Amino acid sequence: MIANTLLSTAIATTLLNPLEVLITRYALVDTTKKKLVFRNMVNRIYKREGLKGFYKGYLTELLHHSISALFFLPLYQIVREKYGIELHE
């Protein structure tokens, strides 16, 4: 169960980290002075930093999500078994 949790967390973080980078950079720009175009932002990151630019902070995110998942999923299972609704087929 732990290996599955870590694997699914790694896959999700790998797929979503570029979006997190874009969201963070979008939030840091003053949109009252500058109009942002998503495509331009993607092109700028790719030209300046390459593919690595989309994975800045990847290890930190992976560690954060892995630790959270390792605590949350077992706790969720315990609570669900104790207080959850049983479904009968």
PDB file of N, CA and C in Angstrom:
ATOM      1  N   MET A   1       0.819  -1.190   0.000  1.00  0.00           N
ATOM      2  CA  MET A   1       0.000   0.000   0.000  1.00  0.00           C
ATOM      3  C   MET A   1       0.867   1.260   0.000  1.00  0.00           C
ATOM      4  N   ILE A   2       1.962   1.223   0.736  1.00  0.00           N
ATOM      5  CA  ILE A   2       2.843   2.385   0.794  1.00  0.00           C
ATOM      6  C   ILE A   2       3.484   2.638  -0.565  1.00  0.00           C
ATOM      7  N   ALA A   3       3.917   1.569  -1.234  1.00  0.00           N
ATOM      8  CA  ALA A   3       4.543   1.728  -2.553  1.00  0.00           C
ATOM      9  C   ALA A   3       3.550   2.304  -3.557  1.00  0.00           C
ATOM     10  N   ASN A   4       2.306   1.827  -3.507  1.00  0.00           N
ATOM     11  CA  ASN A   4       1.279   2.357  -4.413  1.00  0.00           C
ATOM     12  C   ASN A   4       1.008   3.834  -4.138  1.00  0.00           C
ATOM     13  N   THR A   5       0.976   4.191  -2.868  1.00  0.00           N
ATOM     14  CA  THR A   5       0.746   5.584  -2.489  1.00  0.00           C
ATOM     15  C   THR A   5       1.865   6.476  -3.009  1.00  0.00           C
ATOM     16  N   LEU A   6       3.100   6.049  -2.820  1.00  0.00           N
ATOM     17  CA  LEU A   6       4.231   6.851  -3.267  1.00  0.00           C
ATOM     18  C   LEU A   6       4.292   6.928  -4.795  1.00  0.00           C
ATOM     19  N   LEU A   7       3.984   5.825  -5.469  1.00  0.00           N
ATOM     20  CA  LEU A   7       4.001   5.829  -6.925  1.00  0.00           C
ATOM     21  C   LEU A   7       2.927   6.751  -7.491  1.00  0.00           C
ATOM     22  N   SER A   8       1.730   6.667  -6.956  1.00  0.00           N
ATOM     23  CA  SER A   8       0.656   7.530  -7.457  1.00  0.00           C
ATOM     24  C   SER A   8       0.944   8.995  -7.149  1.00  0.00           C
ATOM     25  N   THR A   9       1.552   9.262  -6.017  1.00  0.00           N
ATOM     26  CA  THR A   9       1.928  10.632  -5.673  1.00  0.00           C
ATOM     27  C   THR A   9       3.001  11.152  -6.629  1.00  0.00           C
ATOM     28  N   ALA A  10       3.964  10.317  -6.954  1.00  0.00           N
ATOM     29  CA  ALA A  10       5.026  10.723  -7.877  1.00  0.00           C
ATOM     30  C   ALA A  10       4.462  11.005  -9.263  1.00  0.00           C
ATOM     31  N   ILE A  11       3.550  10.171  -9.720  1.00  0.00           N
ATOM     32  CA  ILE A  11       2.946  10.382 -11.037  1.00  0.00           C
ATOM     33  C   ILE A  11       2.145  11.680 -11.060  1.00  0.00           C
ATOM     34  N   ALA A  12       1.331  11.882 -10.050  1.00  0.00           N
ATOM     35  CA  ALA A  12       0.509  13.092  -9.992  1.00  0.00           C
ATOM     36  C   ALA A  12       1.374  14.346  -9.905  1.00  0.00           C
ATOM     37  N   THR A  13       2.414  14.312  -9.096  1.00  0.00           N
ATOM     38  CA  THR A  13       3.288  15.470  -8.960  1.00  0.00           C
ATOM     39  C   THR A  13       4.024  15.753 -10.263  1.00  0.00           C
ATOM     40  N   THR A  14       4.456  14.712 -10.945  1.00  0.00           N
ATOM     41  CA  THR A  14       5.146  14.875 -12.224  1.00  0.00           C
ATOM     42  C   THR A  14       4.240  15.518 -13.266  1.00  0.00           C
ATOM     43  N   LEU A  15       2.983  15.131 -13.276  1.00  0.00           N
ATOM     44  CA  LEU A  15       2.049  15.677 -14.253  1.00  0.00           C
ATOM     45  C   LEU A  15       1.585  17.088 -13.903  1.00  0.00           C
ATOM     46  N   LEU A  16       1.452  17.382 -12.624  1.00  0.00           N
ATOM     47  CA  LEU A  16       0.871  18.658 -12.212  1.00  0.00           C
ATOM     48  C   LEU A  16       1.872  19.757 -11.875  1.00  0.00           C
ATOM     49  N   ASN A  17       3.130  19.414 -11.673  1.00  0.00           N
ATOM     50  CA  ASN A  17       4.106  20.434 -11.286  1.00  0.00           C
ATOM     51  C   ASN A  17       4.262  21.546 -12.327  1.00  0.00           C
ATOM     52  N   PRO A  18       4.283  21.259 -13.635  1.00  0.00           N
ATOM     53  CA  PRO A  18       4.354  22.367 -14.595  1.00  0.00           C
ATOM     54  C   PRO A  18       3.183  23.344 -14.452  1.00  0.00           C
ATOM     55  N   LEU A  19       2.013  22.836 -14.179  1.00  0.00           N
ATOM     56  CA  LEU A  19       0.858  23.703 -13.977  1.00  0.00           C
ATOM     57  C   LEU A  19       1.022  24.537 -12.711  1.00  0.00           C
ATOM     58  N   GLU A  20       1.549  23.954 -11.667  1.00  0.00           N
ATOM     59  CA  GLU A  20       1.800  24.688 -10.422  1.00  0.00           C
ATOM     60  C   GLU A  20       2.801  25.820 -10.649  1.00  0.00           C
ATOM     61  N   VAL A  21       3.831  25.562 -11.453  1.00  0.00           N
ATOM     62  CA  VAL A  21       4.818  26.605 -11.764  1.00  0.00           C
ATOM     63  C   VAL A  21       4.137  27.757 -12.497  1.00  0.00           C
ATOM     64  N   LEU A  22       3.305  27.424 -13.480  1.00  0.00           N
ATOM     65  CA  LEU A  22       2.608  28.462 -14.242  1.00  0.00           C
ATOM     66  C   LEU A  22       1.658  29.267 -13.357  1.00  0.00           C
ATOM     67  N   ILE A  23       0.930  28.595 -12.497  1.00  0.00           N
ATOM     68  CA  ILE A  23       0.001  29.283 -11.594  1.00  0.00           C
ATOM     69  C   ILE A  23       0.757  30.217 -10.654  1.00  0.00           C
ATOM     70  N   THR A  24       1.873  29.752 -10.124  1.00  0.00           N
ATOM     71  CA  THR A  24       2.670  30.572  -9.211  1.00  0.00           C
ATOM     72  C   THR A  24       3.215  31.800  -9.919  1.00  0.00           C
ATOM     73  N   ARG A  25       3.746  31.609 -11.103  1.00  0.00           N
ATOM     74  CA  ARG A  25       4.307  32.754 -11.834  1.00  0.00           C
ATOM     75  C   ARG A  25       3.212  33.717 -12.281  1.00  0.00           C
ATOM     76  N   TYR A  26       2.085  33.196 -12.629  1.00  0.00           N
ATOM     77  CA  TYR A  26       0.958  34.042 -13.013  1.00  0.00           C
ATOM     78  C   TYR A  26       0.524  34.914 -11.838  1.00  0.00           C
ATOM     79  N   ALA A  27       0.535  34.341 -10.647  1.00  0.00           N
ATOM     80  CA  ALA A  27       0.109  35.079  -9.455  1.00  0.00           C
ATOM     81  C   ALA A  27       1.101  36.182  -9.091  1.00  0.00           C
ATOM     82  N   LEU A  28       2.346  36.045  -9.495  1.00  0.00           N
ATOM     83  CA  LEU A  28       3.374  37.017  -9.117  1.00  0.00           C
ATOM     84  C   LEU A  28       3.433  38.231 -10.045  1.00  0.00           C
ATOM     85  N   VAL A  29       2.748  38.181 -11.169  1.00  0.00           N
ATOM     86  CA  VAL A  29       2.791  39.280 -12.131  1.00  0.00           C
ATOM     87  C   VAL A  29       1.674  40.272 -11.830  1.00  0.00           C
ATOM     88  N   ASP A  30       2.000  41.543 -11.892  1.00  0.00           N
ATOM     89  CA  ASP A  30       1.013  42.592 -11.684  1.00  0.00           C
ATOM     90  C   ASP A  30       0.192  42.750 -12.957  1.00  0.00           C
ATOM     91  N   THR A  31      -1.018  42.226 -12.931  1.00  0.00           N
ATOM     92  CA  THR A  31      -1.852  42.223 -14.131  1.00  0.00           C
ATOM     93  C   THR A  31      -2.486  43.585 -14.431  1.00  0.00           C
ATOM     94  N   THR A  32      -2.340  44.540 -13.530  1.00  0.00           N
ATOM     95  CA  THR A  32      -2.869  45.878 -13.826  1.00  0.00           C
ATOM     96  C   THR A  32      -1.959  46.606 -14.817  1.00  0.00           C
ATOM     97  N   LYS A  33      -0.699  46.225 -14.852  1.00  0.00           N
ATOM     98  CA  LYS A  33       0.251  46.874 -15.749  1.00  0.00           C
ATOM     99  C   LYS A  33       0.521  46.066 -17.011  1.00  0.00           C
ATOM    100  N   LYS A  34       0.241  44.785 -16.942  1.00  0.00           N
ATOM    101  CA  LYS A  34       0.638  43.916 -18.036  1.00  0.00           C
ATOM    102  C   LYS A  34      -0.451  42.888 -18.297  1.00  0.00           C
ATOM    103  N   LYS A  35      -0.783  42.702 -19.563  1.00  0.00           N
ATOM    104  CA  LYS A  35      -1.757  41.680 -19.926  1.00  0.00           C
ATOM    105  C   LYS A  35      -1.007  40.357 -20.100  1.00  0.00           C
ATOM    106  N   LEU A  36      -1.489  39.332 -19.422  1.00  0.00           N
ATOM    107  CA  LEU A  36      -0.829  38.035 -19.500  1.00  0.00           C
ATOM    108  C   LEU A  36      -1.545  37.129 -20.479  1.00  0.00           C
ATOM    109  N   VAL A  37      -0.755  36.485 -21.301  1.00  0.00           N
ATOM    110  CA  VAL A  37      -1.266  35.478 -22.215  1.00  0.00           C
ATOM    111  C   VAL A  37      -0.583  34.169 -21.843  1.00  0.00           C
ATOM    112  N   PHE A  38      -1.394  33.158 -21.614  1.00  0.00           N
ATOM    113  CA  PHE A  38      -0.884  31.873 -21.144  1.00  0.00           C
ATOM    114  C   PHE A  38       0.193  31.328 -22.080  1.00  0.00           C
ATOM    115  N   ARG A  39      -0.056  31.390 -23.358  1.00  0.00           N
ATOM    116  CA  ARG A  39       0.895  30.847 -24.338  1.00  0.00           C
ATOM    117  C   ARG A  39       2.233  31.578 -24.265  1.00  0.00           C
ATOM    118  N   ASN A  40       2.180  32.894 -24.093  1.00  0.00           N
ATOM    119  CA  ASN A  40       3.416  33.669 -23.981  1.00  0.00           C
ATOM    120  C   ASN A  40       4.206  33.294 -22.735  1.00  0.00           C
ATOM    121  N   MET A  41       3.487  33.050 -21.647  1.00  0.00           N
ATOM    122  CA  MET A  41       4.155  32.665 -20.412  1.00  0.00           C
ATOM    123  C   MET A  41       4.858  31.310 -20.565  1.00  0.00           C
ATOM    124  N   VAL A  42       4.180  30.361 -21.199  1.00  0.00           N
ATOM    125  CA  VAL A  42       4.768  29.038 -21.427  1.00  0.00           C
ATOM    126  C   VAL A  42       6.001  29.180 -22.315  1.00  0.00           C
ATOM    127  N   ASN A  43       5.885  29.955 -23.390  1.00  0.00           N
ATOM    128  CA  ASN A  43       7.020  30.143 -24.301  1.00  0.00           C
ATOM    129  C   ASN A  43       8.196  30.811 -23.607  1.00  0.00           C
ATOM    130  N   ARG A  44       7.910  31.807 -22.774  1.00  0.00           N
ATOM    131  CA  ARG A  44       8.978  32.514 -22.066  1.00  0.00           C
ATOM    132  C   ARG A  44       9.727  31.590 -21.122  1.00  0.00           C
ATOM    133  N   ILE A  45       9.002  30.790 -20.375  1.00  0.00           N
ATOM    134  CA  ILE A  45       9.661  29.854 -19.454  1.00  0.00           C
ATOM    135  C   ILE A  45      10.498  28.855 -20.239  1.00  0.00           C
ATOM    136  N   TYR A  46       9.937  28.331 -21.324  1.00  0.00           N
ATOM    137  CA  TYR A  46      10.656  27.327 -22.104  1.00  0.00           C
ATOM    138  C   TYR A  46      11.916  27.918 -22.749  1.00  0.00           C
ATOM    139  N   LYS A  47      11.839  29.142 -23.269  1.00  0.00           N
ATOM    140  CA  LYS A  47      13.002  29.766 -23.909  1.00  0.00           C
ATOM    141  C   LYS A  47      14.087  30.109 -22.896  1.00  0.00           C
ATOM    142  N   ARG A  48      13.687  30.620 -21.738  1.00  0.00           N
ATOM    143  CA  ARG A  48      14.668  31.055 -20.739  1.00  0.00           C
ATOM    144  C   ARG A  48      15.267  29.898 -19.953  1.00  0.00           C
ATOM    145  N   GLU A  49      14.444  28.915 -19.602  1.00  0.00           N
ATOM    146  CA  GLU A  49      14.899  27.888 -18.663  1.00  0.00           C
ATOM    147  C   GLU A  49      14.832  26.470 -19.220  1.00  0.00           C
ATOM    148  N   GLY A  50      14.205  26.317 -20.372  1.00  0.00           N
ATOM    149  CA  GLY A  50      14.067  24.982 -20.942  1.00  0.00           C
ATOM    150  C   GLY A  50      13.001  24.192 -20.194  1.00  0.00           C
ATOM    151  N   LEU A  51      13.000  22.907 -20.414  1.00  0.00           N
ATOM    152  CA  LEU A  51      12.022  22.033 -19.774  1.00  0.00           C
ATOM    153  C   LEU A  51      12.191  22.014 -18.251  1.00  0.00           C
ATOM    154  N   LYS A  52      13.429  22.240 -17.794  1.00  0.00           N
ATOM    155  CA  LYS A  52      13.686  22.277 -16.342  1.00  0.00           C
ATOM    156  C   LYS A  52      12.898  23.376 -15.643  1.00  0.00           C
ATOM    157  N   GLY A  53      12.609  24.434 -16.362  1.00  0.00           N
ATOM    158  CA  GLY A  53      11.877  25.553 -15.774  1.00  0.00           C
ATOM    159  C   GLY A  53      10.492  25.174 -15.298  1.00  0.00           C
ATOM    160  N   PHE A  54       9.893  24.184 -15.936  1.00  0.00           N
ATOM    161  CA  PHE A  54       8.552  23.741 -15.544  1.00  0.00           C
ATOM    162  C   PHE A  54       8.591  22.809 -14.332  1.00  0.00           C
ATOM    163  N   TYR A  55       9.773  22.365 -13.957  1.00  0.00           N
ATOM    164  CA  TYR A  55       9.892  21.441 -12.831  1.00  0.00           C
ATOM    165  C   TYR A  55      10.667  22.043 -11.660  1.00  0.00           C
ATOM    166  N   LYS A  56      10.678  23.362 -11.600  1.00  0.00           N
ATOM    167  CA  LYS A  56      11.290  24.000 -10.429  1.00  0.00           C
ATOM    168  C   LYS A  56      10.457  23.671  -9.196  1.00  0.00           C
ATOM    169  N   GLY A  57      11.128  23.299  -8.133  1.00  0.00           N
ATOM    170  CA  GLY A  57      10.430  22.955  -6.904  1.00  0.00           C
ATOM    171  C   GLY A  57       9.831  21.559  -6.925  1.00  0.00           C
ATOM    172  N   TYR A  58      10.198  20.753  -7.901  1.00  0.00           N
ATOM    173  CA  TYR A  58       9.613  19.414  -8.036  1.00  0.00           C
ATOM    174  C   TYR A  58       9.891  18.542  -6.813  1.00  0.00           C
ATOM    175  N   LEU A  59      11.128  18.495  -6.374  1.00  0.00           N
ATOM    176  CA  LEU A  59      11.456  17.627  -5.234  1.00  0.00           C
ATOM    177  C   LEU A  59      10.749  18.069  -3.957  1.00  0.00           C
ATOM    178  N   THR A  60      10.630  19.367  -3.769  1.00  0.00           N
ATOM    179  CA  THR A  60       9.920  19.880  -2.604  1.00  0.00           C
ATOM    180  C   THR A  60       8.449  19.487  -2.656  1.00  0.00           C
ATOM    181  N   GLU A  61       7.831  19.653  -3.825  1.00  0.00           N
ATOM    182  CA  GLU A  61       6.429  19.266  -3.992  1.00  0.00           C
ATOM    183  C   GLU A  61       6.247  17.765  -3.800  1.00  0.00           C
ATOM    184  N   LEU A  62       7.159  16.985  -4.365  1.00  0.00           N
ATOM    185  CA  LEU A  62       7.079  15.529  -4.242  1.00  0.00           C
ATOM    186  C   LEU A  62       7.191  15.103  -2.784  1.00  0.00           C
ATOM    187  N   LEU A  63       8.119  15.678  -2.067  1.00  0.00           N
ATOM    188  CA  LEU A  63       8.274  15.360  -0.647  1.00  0.00           C
ATOM    189  C   LEU A  63       7.034  15.768   0.146  1.00  0.00           C
ATOM    190  N   HIS A  64       6.543  16.947  -0.113  1.00  0.00           N
ATOM    191  CA  HIS A  64       5.350  17.446   0.588  1.00  0.00           C
ATOM    192  C   HIS A  64       4.142  16.543   0.328  1.00  0.00           C
ATOM    193  N   HIS A  65       3.890  16.231  -0.929  1.00  0.00           N
ATOM    194  CA  HIS A  65       2.730  15.408  -1.262  1.00  0.00           C
ATOM    195  C   HIS A  65       2.884  13.974  -0.771  1.00  0.00           C
ATOM    196  N   SER A  66       4.109  13.444  -0.807  1.00  0.00           N
ATOM    197  CA  SER A  66       4.336  12.076  -0.325  1.00  0.00           C
ATOM    198  C   SER A  66       4.079  11.967   1.167  1.00  0.00           C
ATOM    199  N   ILE A  67       4.602  12.903   1.921  1.00  0.00           N
ATOM    200  CA  ILE A  67       4.394  12.878   3.372  1.00  0.00           C
ATOM    201  C   ILE A  67       2.907  13.042   3.691  1.00  0.00           C
ATOM    202  N   SER A  68       2.258  13.961   3.001  1.00  0.00           N
ATOM    203  CA  SER A  68       0.829  14.168   3.232  1.00  0.00           C
ATOM    204  C   SER A  68       0.033  12.909   2.912  1.00  0.00           C
ATOM    205  N   ALA A  69       0.341  12.282   1.790  1.00  0.00           N
ATOM    206  CA  ALA A  69      -0.392  11.079   1.386  1.00  0.00           C
ATOM    207  C   ALA A  69      -0.134   9.922   2.351  1.00  0.00           C
ATOM    208  N   LEU A  70       1.085   9.793   2.829  1.00  0.00           N
ATOM    209  CA  LEU A  70       1.403   8.694   3.746  1.00  0.00           C
ATOM    210  C   LEU A  70       0.685   8.838   5.083  1.00  0.00           C
ATOM    211  N   PHE A  71       0.359  10.058   5.476  1.00  0.00           N
ATOM    212  CA  PHE A  71      -0.402  10.248   6.705  1.00  0.00           C
ATOM    213  C   PHE A  71      -1.905  10.252   6.456  1.00  0.00           C
ATOM    214  N   PHE A  72      -2.325  10.879   5.372  1.00  0.00           N
ATOM    215  CA  PHE A  72      -3.755  11.053   5.121  1.00  0.00           C
ATOM    216  C   PHE A  72      -4.447   9.745   4.754  1.00  0.00           C
ATOM    217  N   LEU A  73      -3.883   8.965   3.852  1.00  0.00           N
ATOM    218  CA  LEU A  73      -4.568   7.770   3.372  1.00  0.00           C
ATOM    219  C   LEU A  73      -4.804   6.715   4.470  1.00  0.00           C
ATOM    220  N   PRO A  74      -3.815   6.385   5.287  1.00  0.00           N
ATOM    221  CA  PRO A  74      -4.114   5.448   6.376  1.00  0.00           C
ATOM    222  C   PRO A  74      -5.123   6.000   7.384  1.00  0.00           C
ATOM    223  N   LEU A  75      -5.026   7.291   7.681  1.00  0.00           N
ATOM    224  CA  LEU A  75      -5.976   7.909   8.595  1.00  0.00           C
ATOM    225  C   LEU A  75      -7.382   7.878   8.003  1.00  0.00           C
ATOM    226  N   TYR A  76      -7.498   8.168   6.722  1.00  0.00           N
ATOM    227  CA  TYR A  76      -8.783   8.110   6.031  1.00  0.00           C
ATOM    228  C   TYR A  76      -9.363   6.702   6.098  1.00  0.00           C
ATOM    229  N   GLN A  77      -8.524   5.694   5.892  1.00  0.00           N
ATOM    230  CA  GLN A  77      -8.981   4.303   5.936  1.00  0.00           C
ATOM    231  C   GLN A  77      -9.512   3.954   7.324  1.00  0.00           C
ATOM    232  N   ILE A  78      -8.816   4.376   8.357  1.00  0.00           N
ATOM    233  CA  ILE A  78      -9.240   4.090   9.732  1.00  0.00           C
ATOM    234  C   ILE A  78     -10.575   4.767  10.027  1.00  0.00           C
ATOM    235  N   VAL A  79     -10.692   6.030   9.677  1.00  0.00           N
ATOM    236  CA  VAL A  79     -11.932   6.774   9.935  1.00  0.00           C
ATOM    237  C   VAL A  79     -13.083   6.181   9.122  1.00  0.00           C
ATOM    238  N   ARG A  80     -12.816   5.829   7.884  1.00  0.00           N
ATOM    239  CA  ARG A  80     -13.863   5.259   7.037  1.00  0.00           C
ATOM    240  C   ARG A  80     -14.363   3.920   7.590  1.00  0.00           C
ATOM    241  N   GLU A  81     -13.441   3.091   8.078  1.00  0.00           N
ATOM    242  CA  GLU A  81     -13.841   1.806   8.637  1.00  0.00           C
ATOM    243  C   GLU A  81     -14.618   1.979   9.939  1.00  0.00           C
ATOM    244  N   LYS A  82     -14.241   2.970  10.720  1.00  0.00           N
ATOM    245  CA  LYS A  82     -14.888   3.147  12.005  1.00  0.00           C
ATOM    246  C   LYS A  82     -16.221   3.883  11.895  1.00  0.00           C
ATOM    247  N   TYR A  83     -16.276   4.936  11.080  1.00  0.00           N
ATOM    248  CA  TYR A  83     -17.468   5.773  11.022  1.00  0.00           C
ATOM    249  C   TYR A  83     -18.153   5.792   9.663  1.00  0.00           C
ATOM    250  N   GLY A  84     -17.556   5.153   8.676  1.00  0.00           N
ATOM    251  CA  GLY A  84     -18.075   5.242   7.320  1.00  0.00           C
ATOM    252  C   GLY A  84     -19.380   4.491   7.109  1.00  0.00           C
ATOM    253  N   ILE A  85     -19.969   4.775   5.988  1.00  0.00           N
ATOM    254  CA  ILE A  85     -21.209   4.110   5.599  1.00  0.00           C
ATOM    255  C   ILE A  85     -20.847   2.832   4.864  1.00  0.00           C
ATOM    256  N   GLU A  86     -21.432   1.757   5.291  1.00  0.00           N
ATOM    257  CA  GLU A  86     -21.196   0.486   4.615  1.00  0.00           C
ATOM    258  C   GLU A  86     -22.160   0.333   3.454  1.00  0.00           C
ATOM    259  N   LEU A  87     -21.601  -0.016   2.330  1.00  0.00           N
ATOM    260  CA  LEU A  87     -22.419  -0.237   1.142  1.00  0.00           C
ATOM    261  C   LEU A  87     -22.626  -1.734   0.964  1.00  0.00           C
ATOM    262  N   HIS A  88     -23.869  -2.119   0.873  1.00  0.00           N
ATOM    263  CA  HIS A  88     -24.186  -3.529   0.668  1.00  0.00           C
ATOM    264  C   HIS A  88     -24.577  -3.747  -0.771  1.00  0.00           C
ATOM    265  N   GLU A  89     -24.008  -4.772  -1.352  1.00  0.00           N
ATOM    266  CA  GLU A  89     -24.332  -5.062  -2.757  1.00  0.00           C
ATOM    267  C   GLU A  89     -25.509  -6.007  -2.842  1.00  0.00           C
TER     268      GLU A  89
END
